[in-house]
Amino acid sequence: MTTRDIVKKYIPLGIGIIILIILFIYFVFPPFGKMVCEVNSAPGDMNASYTYVADFSLWRVYNFKMVETVRSADNENLLTYRESIEKEMSKYKNLDYYDNLIVVENRTLTNIVTIDYKNIDMDQLQKLDKSFSKKYINIYRLKRIYRKNGAVCKYV
């Protein structure tokens, strides 16, 4: 077998393998799109379900939305929980890129948090909460965190 025969045989095979690897990465780890993660708490008096939606481009999250739905037979529990959420999130209230809406209705509390990472001021956010880093949010890191906490994630 000559060098020319080897090149004719193995170069197209190598290019085909590289193309398959790129397609695999593109479909398993898409560079842009939307990821939806859902998790439900154990049944009980206060039962919660969470839905996390992250829009991303080039594996960086640019928009995030969390919908928390808590159901309880006792409206007092929901109002107490609402107060604790409002107290915890009050430091983020005046930020332009952060929005929090809490509604209690028909023995159900709905908490919707929206964060616009395109317009975020990381320096300002880090002053409010030291746990935020100045780095961007990576979709893989976010997915790993949610899956570790029991969420089921899928790309839409």
N, C-alpha and C. Protein backbone atom coordinates (compact mmCIF):
# COMPACT_ATOMS: atom_id res chain seq x y z
N MET A 1 0.84 -1.16 0.00
CA MET A 1 0.00 0.00 0.00
C MET A 1 0.90 1.24 0.00
N THR A 2 0.66 2.12 -0.92
CA THR A 2 1.49 3.32 -1.04
C THR A 2 0.91 4.44 -0.17
N THR A 3 1.68 5.50 -0.04
CA THR A 3 1.26 6.66 0.74
C THR A 3 0.01 7.29 0.12
N ARG A 4 -0.01 7.32 -1.19
CA ARG A 4 -1.17 7.89 -1.89
C ARG A 4 -2.44 7.09 -1.57
N ASP A 5 -2.36 5.78 -1.51
CA ASP A 5 -3.51 4.95 -1.17
C ASP A 5 -3.97 5.19 0.27
N ILE A 6 -3.02 5.34 1.16
CA ILE A 6 -3.34 5.60 2.56
C ILE A 6 -4.06 6.94 2.69
N VAL A 7 -3.55 7.97 2.01
CA VAL A 7 -4.16 9.30 2.05
C VAL A 7 -5.57 9.25 1.47
N LYS A 8 -5.75 8.56 0.35
CA LYS A 8 -7.07 8.46 -0.28
C LYS A 8 -8.08 7.75 0.64
N LYS A 9 -7.60 6.80 1.42
CA LYS A 9 -8.48 6.01 2.24
C LYS A 9 -8.77 6.66 3.60
N TYR A 10 -7.75 7.19 4.26
CA TYR A 10 -7.91 7.63 5.63
C TYR A 10 -8.22 9.11 5.82
N ILE A 11 -7.88 9.98 4.89
CA ILE A 11 -8.21 11.40 5.01
C ILE A 11 -9.73 11.60 4.99
N PRO A 12 -10.46 11.03 4.03
CA PRO A 12 -11.93 11.19 4.06
C PRO A 12 -12.54 10.59 5.34
N LEU A 13 -11.99 9.48 5.81
CA LEU A 13 -12.48 8.87 7.04
C LEU A 13 -12.24 9.81 8.23
N GLY A 14 -11.09 10.41 8.31
CA GLY A 14 -10.77 11.35 9.38
C GLY A 14 -11.67 12.58 9.35
N ILE A 15 -11.90 13.11 8.15
CA ILE A 15 -12.79 14.27 8.01
C ILE A 15 -14.21 13.90 8.41
N GLY A 16 -14.65 12.72 8.03
CA GLY A 16 -16.00 12.25 8.41
C GLY A 16 -16.14 12.12 9.92
N ILE A 17 -15.11 11.60 10.59
CA ILE A 17 -15.15 11.47 12.05
C ILE A 17 -15.19 12.84 12.71
N ILE A 18 -14.42 13.79 12.21
CA ILE A 18 -14.42 15.15 12.76
C ILE A 18 -15.79 15.79 12.60
N ILE A 19 -16.42 15.62 11.45
CA ILE A 19 -17.76 16.17 11.21
C ILE A 19 -18.77 15.53 12.16
N LEU A 20 -18.69 14.23 12.39
CA LEU A 20 -19.60 13.56 13.32
C LEU A 20 -19.41 14.07 14.75
N ILE A 21 -18.18 14.30 15.15
CA ILE A 21 -17.91 14.83 16.49
C ILE A 21 -18.50 16.23 16.63
N ILE A 22 -18.33 17.07 15.62
CA ILE A 22 -18.89 18.43 15.66
C ILE A 22 -20.41 18.38 15.73
N LEU A 23 -21.05 17.52 14.94
CA LEU A 23 -22.51 17.39 14.98
C LEU A 23 -22.99 16.87 16.34
N PHE A 24 -22.26 15.92 16.90
CA PHE A 24 -22.60 15.40 18.22
C PHE A 24 -22.56 16.50 19.27
N ILE A 25 -21.50 17.27 19.28
CA ILE A 25 -21.36 18.38 20.24
C ILE A 25 -22.46 19.40 20.02
N TYR A 26 -22.77 19.71 18.77
CA TYR A 26 -23.79 20.72 18.45
C TYR A 26 -25.17 20.30 18.96
N PHE A 27 -25.52 19.02 18.82
CA PHE A 27 -26.85 18.58 19.22
C PHE A 27 -26.94 18.22 20.70
N VAL A 28 -25.86 17.74 21.30
CA VAL A 28 -25.88 17.39 22.72
C VAL A 28 -25.65 18.62 23.59
N PHE A 29 -24.77 19.52 23.17
CA PHE A 29 -24.46 20.75 23.88
C PHE A 29 -24.67 21.94 22.94
N PRO A 30 -25.91 22.29 22.66
CA PRO A 30 -26.15 23.35 21.67
C PRO A 30 -25.54 24.68 22.10
N PRO A 31 -25.01 25.46 21.15
CA PRO A 31 -24.37 26.74 21.49
C PRO A 31 -25.36 27.86 21.75
N PHE A 32 -26.61 27.68 21.34
CA PHE A 32 -27.62 28.71 21.59
C PHE A 32 -28.98 28.05 21.70
N GLY A 33 -29.91 28.73 22.35
CA GLY A 33 -31.26 28.18 22.49
C GLY A 33 -31.83 28.48 23.85
N LYS A 34 -32.65 27.55 24.34
CA LYS A 34 -33.35 27.72 25.61
C LYS A 34 -33.28 26.40 26.37
N MET A 35 -33.00 26.50 27.65
CA MET A 35 -32.99 25.32 28.51
C MET A 35 -34.10 25.48 29.55
N VAL A 36 -34.89 24.43 29.73
CA VAL A 36 -35.97 24.44 30.71
C VAL A 36 -35.70 23.32 31.70
N CYS A 37 -35.70 23.67 33.00
CA CYS A 37 -35.52 22.69 34.06
C CYS A 37 -36.72 22.75 34.99
N GLU A 38 -37.18 21.59 35.42
CA GLU A 38 -38.33 21.51 36.30
C GLU A 38 -38.04 20.57 37.45
N VAL A 39 -38.53 20.95 38.63
CA VAL A 39 -38.39 20.11 39.82
C VAL A 39 -39.60 20.34 40.72
N ASN A 40 -40.04 19.28 41.38
CA ASN A 40 -41.18 19.35 42.30
C ASN A 40 -40.73 18.89 43.67
N SER A 41 -41.31 19.49 44.71
CA SER A 41 -40.98 19.09 46.07
C SER A 41 -41.81 17.87 46.45
N ALA A 42 -41.49 17.31 47.59
CA ALA A 42 -42.24 16.18 48.10
C ALA A 42 -43.64 16.64 48.48
N PRO A 43 -44.62 15.76 48.34
CA PRO A 43 -45.99 16.15 48.71
C PRO A 43 -46.08 16.42 50.21
N GLY A 44 -46.97 17.30 50.55
CA GLY A 44 -47.18 17.67 51.95
C GLY A 44 -48.12 18.85 51.98
N ASP A 45 -48.22 19.49 53.15
CA ASP A 45 -49.11 20.64 53.24
C ASP A 45 -48.64 21.75 52.32
N MET A 46 -47.36 22.08 52.38
CA MET A 46 -46.81 23.07 51.45
C MET A 46 -46.06 22.31 50.37
N ASN A 47 -46.59 22.34 49.18
CA ASN A 47 -46.04 21.62 48.05
C ASN A 47 -45.56 22.65 47.03
N ALA A 48 -44.34 22.49 46.52
CA ALA A 48 -43.78 23.49 45.61
C ALA A 48 -43.33 22.84 44.30
N SER A 49 -43.43 23.62 43.23
CA SER A 49 -42.87 23.21 41.95
C SER A 49 -42.10 24.39 41.39
N TYR A 50 -40.96 24.10 40.79
CA TYR A 50 -40.08 25.14 40.26
C TYR A 50 -39.83 24.89 38.78
N THR A 51 -39.86 25.95 38.02
CA THR A 51 -39.51 25.90 36.61
C THR A 51 -38.47 26.97 36.36
N TYR A 52 -37.35 26.55 35.79
CA TYR A 52 -36.26 27.47 35.47
C TYR A 52 -36.10 27.51 33.95
N VAL A 53 -36.09 28.70 33.39
CA VAL A 53 -35.93 28.85 31.96
C VAL A 53 -34.73 29.77 31.73
N ALA A 54 -33.76 29.28 30.97
CA ALA A 54 -32.56 30.08 30.68
C ALA A 54 -32.38 30.16 29.17
N ASP A 55 -32.35 31.39 28.66
CA ASP A 55 -32.02 31.62 27.24
C ASP A 55 -30.52 31.85 27.17
N PHE A 56 -29.87 31.22 26.19
CA PHE A 56 -28.43 31.35 26.11
C PHE A 56 -27.95 31.45 24.67
N SER A 57 -26.78 32.04 24.53
CA SER A 57 -26.14 32.19 23.23
C SER A 57 -24.65 31.98 23.42
N LEU A 58 -24.06 31.13 22.60
CA LEU A 58 -22.66 30.74 22.74
C LEU A 58 -22.37 30.27 24.16
N TRP A 59 -23.27 29.47 24.71
CA TRP A 59 -23.21 28.83 26.02
C TRP A 59 -23.22 29.81 27.19
N ARG A 60 -23.53 31.09 26.94
CA ARG A 60 -23.64 32.08 28.01
C ARG A 60 -25.11 32.45 28.20
N VAL A 61 -25.55 32.44 29.44
CA VAL A 61 -26.94 32.79 29.75
C VAL A 61 -27.11 34.30 29.60
N TYR A 62 -28.13 34.70 28.85
CA TYR A 62 -28.40 36.13 28.72
C TYR A 62 -29.76 36.52 29.29
N ASN A 63 -30.61 35.56 29.59
CA ASN A 63 -31.90 35.85 30.19
C ASN A 63 -32.31 34.64 31.03
N PHE A 64 -32.80 34.90 32.23
CA PHE A 64 -33.15 33.83 33.15
C PHE A 64 -34.51 34.12 33.77
N LYS A 65 -35.33 33.08 33.91
CA LYS A 65 -36.64 33.22 34.53
C LYS A 65 -36.90 32.01 35.42
N MET A 66 -37.32 32.27 36.65
CA MET A 66 -37.68 31.21 37.58
C MET A 66 -39.14 31.41 37.98
N VAL A 67 -39.92 30.35 37.90
CA VAL A 67 -41.31 30.39 38.35
C VAL A 67 -41.44 29.37 39.46
N GLU A 68 -41.75 29.86 40.64
CA GLU A 68 -41.95 29.01 41.81
C GLU A 68 -43.43 29.03 42.14
N THR A 69 -44.04 27.86 42.24
CA THR A 69 -45.45 27.76 42.59
C THR A 69 -45.56 26.93 43.86
N VAL A 70 -46.11 27.54 44.91
CA VAL A 70 -46.26 26.87 46.20
C VAL A 70 -47.74 26.79 46.52
N ARG A 71 -48.21 25.58 46.83
CA ARG A 71 -49.61 25.37 47.19
C ARG A 71 -49.69 24.95 48.65
N SER A 72 -50.70 25.47 49.33
CA SER A 72 -50.90 25.13 50.73
C SER A 72 -52.38 25.21 51.06
N ALA A 73 -52.80 24.40 52.02
CA ALA A 73 -54.19 24.45 52.47
C ALA A 73 -54.42 25.68 53.33
N ASP A 74 -53.36 26.21 53.92
CA ASP A 74 -53.45 27.36 54.82
C ASP A 74 -52.87 28.60 54.17
N ASN A 75 -53.70 29.60 53.93
CA ASN A 75 -53.24 30.85 53.31
C ASN A 75 -52.25 31.60 54.20
N GLU A 76 -52.34 31.42 55.54
CA GLU A 76 -51.42 32.10 56.46
C GLU A 76 -49.98 31.67 56.19
N ASN A 77 -49.78 30.38 55.94
CA ASN A 77 -48.43 29.89 55.62
C ASN A 77 -47.89 30.57 54.37
N LEU A 78 -48.74 30.73 53.38
CA LEU A 78 -48.32 31.36 52.13
C LEU A 78 -47.98 32.83 52.34
N LEU A 79 -48.76 33.53 53.16
CA LEU A 79 -48.48 34.94 53.41
C LEU A 79 -47.18 35.11 54.20
N THR A 80 -46.93 34.21 55.14
CA THR A 80 -45.66 34.24 55.88
C THR A 80 -44.49 33.97 54.94
N TYR A 81 -44.67 33.00 54.06
CA TYR A 81 -43.61 32.68 53.09
C TYR A 81 -43.38 33.86 52.15
N ARG A 82 -44.45 34.52 51.74
CA ARG A 82 -44.33 35.70 50.87
C ARG A 82 -43.51 36.79 51.56
N GLU A 83 -43.79 37.04 52.83
CA GLU A 83 -43.03 38.05 53.58
C GLU A 83 -41.55 37.71 53.65
N SER A 84 -41.24 36.43 53.84
CA SER A 84 -39.82 36.03 53.91
C SER A 84 -39.13 36.21 52.56
N ILE A 85 -39.84 35.93 51.48
CA ILE A 85 -39.26 36.14 50.14
C ILE A 85 -39.04 37.63 49.90
N GLU A 86 -40.04 38.44 50.22
CA GLU A 86 -39.92 39.89 50.01
C GLU A 86 -38.77 40.47 50.83
N LYS A 87 -38.60 39.99 52.05
CA LYS A 87 -37.50 40.46 52.91
C LYS A 87 -36.16 40.08 52.31
N GLU A 88 -36.05 38.84 51.85
CA GLU A 88 -34.78 38.35 51.28
C GLU A 88 -34.44 39.07 49.98
N MET A 89 -35.42 39.35 49.15
CA MET A 89 -35.18 39.93 47.84
C MET A 89 -35.25 41.46 47.81
N SER A 90 -35.49 42.08 48.94
CA SER A 90 -35.65 43.54 48.97
C SER A 90 -34.39 44.27 48.52
N LYS A 91 -33.21 43.69 48.74
CA LYS A 91 -31.97 44.37 48.32
C LYS A 91 -31.82 44.45 46.80
N TYR A 92 -32.54 43.61 46.06
CA TYR A 92 -32.47 43.62 44.60
C TYR A 92 -33.58 44.45 43.96
N LYS A 93 -34.43 45.03 44.78
CA LYS A 93 -35.65 45.67 44.30
C LYS A 93 -35.40 46.81 43.30
N ASN A 94 -34.37 47.60 43.48
CA ASN A 94 -34.15 48.78 42.64
C ASN A 94 -33.23 48.52 41.44
N LEU A 95 -32.92 47.27 41.17
CA LEU A 95 -32.06 46.95 40.04
C LEU A 95 -32.88 46.86 38.76
N ASP A 96 -32.38 47.48 37.69
CA ASP A 96 -33.11 47.51 36.42
C ASP A 96 -33.20 46.15 35.74
N TYR A 97 -32.22 45.32 35.95
CA TYR A 97 -32.14 44.03 35.25
C TYR A 97 -32.75 42.89 36.06
N TYR A 98 -33.32 43.19 37.22
CA TYR A 98 -33.89 42.18 38.10
C TYR A 98 -35.35 42.51 38.37
N ASP A 99 -36.23 41.52 38.21
CA ASP A 99 -37.65 41.73 38.45
C ASP A 99 -38.19 40.56 39.25
N ASN A 100 -38.99 40.86 40.27
CA ASN A 100 -39.58 39.82 41.12
C ASN A 100 -41.05 40.14 41.32
N LEU A 101 -41.91 39.21 40.98
CA LEU A 101 -43.35 39.37 41.14
C LEU A 101 -43.87 38.21 41.98
N ILE A 102 -44.58 38.54 43.08
CA ILE A 102 -45.12 37.53 43.98
C ILE A 102 -46.63 37.73 44.06
N VAL A 103 -47.38 36.67 43.77
CA VAL A 103 -48.84 36.74 43.81
C VAL A 103 -49.35 35.58 44.66
N VAL A 104 -50.25 35.90 45.61
CA VAL A 104 -50.91 34.88 46.42
C VAL A 104 -52.38 34.90 46.06
N GLU A 105 -52.88 33.75 45.59
CA GLU A 105 -54.25 33.68 45.11
C GLU A 105 -54.73 32.22 45.16
N ASN A 106 -55.92 31.99 45.68
CA ASN A 106 -56.52 30.65 45.71
C ASN A 106 -55.61 29.60 46.33
N ARG A 107 -55.07 29.90 47.50
CA ARG A 107 -54.17 28.98 48.23
C ARG A 107 -52.94 28.60 47.42
N THR A 108 -52.50 29.49 46.52
CA THR A 108 -51.31 29.27 45.70
C THR A 108 -50.47 30.54 45.68
N LEU A 109 -49.19 30.38 45.96
CA LEU A 109 -48.24 31.49 45.85
C LEU A 109 -47.43 31.27 44.58
N THR A 110 -47.35 32.30 43.76
CA THR A 110 -46.54 32.24 42.55
C THR A 110 -45.47 33.32 42.64
N ASN A 111 -44.23 32.91 42.56
CA ASN A 111 -43.09 33.81 42.64
C ASN A 111 -42.36 33.74 41.30
N ILE A 112 -42.30 34.85 40.59
CA ILE A 112 -41.64 34.88 39.28
C ILE A 112 -40.44 35.82 39.38
N VAL A 113 -39.27 35.29 39.13
CA VAL A 113 -38.03 36.07 39.15
C VAL A 113 -37.47 36.09 37.73
N THR A 114 -37.17 37.29 37.24
CA THR A 114 -36.58 37.45 35.91
C THR A 114 -35.29 38.25 36.03
N ILE A 115 -34.22 37.73 35.42
CA ILE A 115 -32.93 38.42 35.44
C ILE A 115 -32.45 38.57 34.00
N ASP A 116 -32.13 39.80 33.63
CA ASP A 116 -31.61 40.10 32.29
C ASP A 116 -30.10 40.23 32.38
N TYR A 117 -29.37 39.16 32.04
CA TYR A 117 -27.92 39.14 32.16
C TYR A 117 -27.23 39.98 31.09
N LYS A 118 -27.95 40.36 30.03
CA LYS A 118 -27.33 41.22 29.01
C LYS A 118 -27.04 42.60 29.57
N ASN A 119 -27.90 43.09 30.44
CA ASN A 119 -27.77 44.45 30.96
C ASN A 119 -27.33 44.48 32.43
N ILE A 120 -26.78 43.40 32.90
CA ILE A 120 -26.45 43.30 34.32
C ILE A 120 -25.18 44.10 34.65
N ASP A 121 -25.17 44.69 35.82
CA ASP A 121 -24.00 45.40 36.33
C ASP A 121 -23.41 44.53 37.43
N MET A 122 -22.41 43.72 37.09
CA MET A 122 -21.85 42.75 38.03
C MET A 122 -21.19 43.43 39.23
N ASP A 123 -20.59 44.60 39.04
CA ASP A 123 -19.98 45.31 40.17
C ASP A 123 -21.04 45.69 41.20
N GLN A 124 -22.15 46.22 40.72
CA GLN A 124 -23.24 46.62 41.61
C GLN A 124 -23.83 45.39 42.30
N LEU A 125 -24.00 44.30 41.56
CA LEU A 125 -24.57 43.08 42.11
C LEU A 125 -23.64 42.46 43.15
N GLN A 126 -22.34 42.52 42.89
CA GLN A 126 -21.38 41.96 43.83
C GLN A 126 -21.32 42.78 45.12
N LYS A 127 -21.60 44.07 45.04
CA LYS A 127 -21.66 44.88 46.26
C LYS A 127 -22.84 44.46 47.14
N LEU A 128 -23.95 44.08 46.49
CA LEU A 128 -25.13 43.65 47.23
C LEU A 128 -24.99 42.24 47.79
N ASP A 129 -24.33 41.37 47.03
CA ASP A 129 -24.20 39.97 47.44
C ASP A 129 -22.83 39.47 47.00
N LYS A 130 -21.97 39.18 47.96
CA LYS A 130 -20.58 38.78 47.67
C LYS A 130 -20.49 37.42 46.98
N SER A 131 -21.55 36.62 46.99
CA SER A 131 -21.49 35.29 46.39
C SER A 131 -21.48 35.32 44.87
N PHE A 132 -21.87 36.46 44.26
CA PHE A 132 -21.85 36.57 42.81
C PHE A 132 -20.43 36.83 42.34
N SER A 133 -20.02 36.10 41.32
CA SER A 133 -18.70 36.35 40.75
C SER A 133 -18.86 37.28 39.55
N LYS A 134 -17.76 37.83 39.09
CA LYS A 134 -17.82 38.76 37.96
C LYS A 134 -17.86 38.03 36.63
N LYS A 135 -17.83 36.71 36.67
CA LYS A 135 -17.86 35.93 35.43
C LYS A 135 -19.28 35.82 34.91
N TYR A 136 -19.39 35.47 33.65
CA TYR A 136 -20.70 35.22 33.06
C TYR A 136 -21.23 33.88 33.56
N ILE A 137 -22.51 33.65 33.37
CA ILE A 137 -23.15 32.40 33.77
C ILE A 137 -23.10 31.43 32.60
N ASN A 138 -22.48 30.29 32.79
CA ASN A 138 -22.34 29.27 31.77
C ASN A 138 -23.53 28.31 31.86
N ILE A 139 -24.13 27.96 30.71
CA ILE A 139 -25.32 27.11 30.69
C ILE A 139 -25.02 25.72 31.25
N TYR A 140 -23.81 25.19 31.05
CA TYR A 140 -23.47 23.87 31.58
C TYR A 140 -23.42 23.89 33.10
N ARG A 141 -22.85 24.97 33.66
CA ARG A 141 -22.76 25.09 35.11
C ARG A 141 -24.16 25.19 35.71
N LEU A 142 -25.02 25.96 35.08
CA LEU A 142 -26.39 26.11 35.54
C LEU A 142 -27.13 24.77 35.49
N LYS A 143 -26.96 24.06 34.40
CA LYS A 143 -27.62 22.76 34.25
C LYS A 143 -27.11 21.77 35.29
N ARG A 144 -25.83 21.76 35.55
CA ARG A 144 -25.24 20.85 36.54
C ARG A 144 -25.80 21.14 37.94
N ILE A 145 -25.95 22.42 38.27
CA ILE A 145 -26.49 22.80 39.58
C ILE A 145 -27.93 22.31 39.72
N TYR A 146 -28.76 22.55 38.71
CA TYR A 146 -30.16 22.15 38.78
C TYR A 146 -30.32 20.63 38.81
N ARG A 147 -29.54 19.93 38.01
CA ARG A 147 -29.64 18.47 37.99
C ARG A 147 -29.18 17.87 39.32
N LYS A 148 -28.19 18.50 39.93
CA LYS A 148 -27.71 18.05 41.24
C LYS A 148 -28.82 18.18 42.29
N ASN A 149 -29.68 19.17 42.12
CA ASN A 149 -30.79 19.39 43.05
C ASN A 149 -32.07 18.65 42.65
N GLY A 150 -31.98 17.76 41.66
CA GLY A 150 -33.10 16.92 41.32
C GLY A 150 -33.97 17.38 40.16
N ALA A 151 -33.56 18.43 39.48
CA ALA A 151 -34.36 18.93 38.37
C ALA A 151 -34.13 18.10 37.11
N VAL A 152 -35.13 18.09 36.26
CA VAL A 152 -35.04 17.46 34.96
C VAL A 152 -34.90 18.59 33.95
N CYS A 153 -33.81 18.57 33.18
CA CYS A 153 -33.52 19.67 32.24
C CYS A 153 -33.59 19.16 30.81
N LYS A 154 -34.03 20.06 29.93
CA LYS A 154 -34.04 19.73 28.50
C LYS A 154 -33.84 21.02 27.71
N TYR A 155 -33.28 20.86 26.53
CA TYR A 155 -33.09 21.99 25.63
C TYR A 155 -34.30 22.07 24.71
N VAL A 156 -34.81 23.28 24.55
CA VAL A 156 -36.00 23.49 23.72
C VAL A 156 -35.61 24.28 22.49
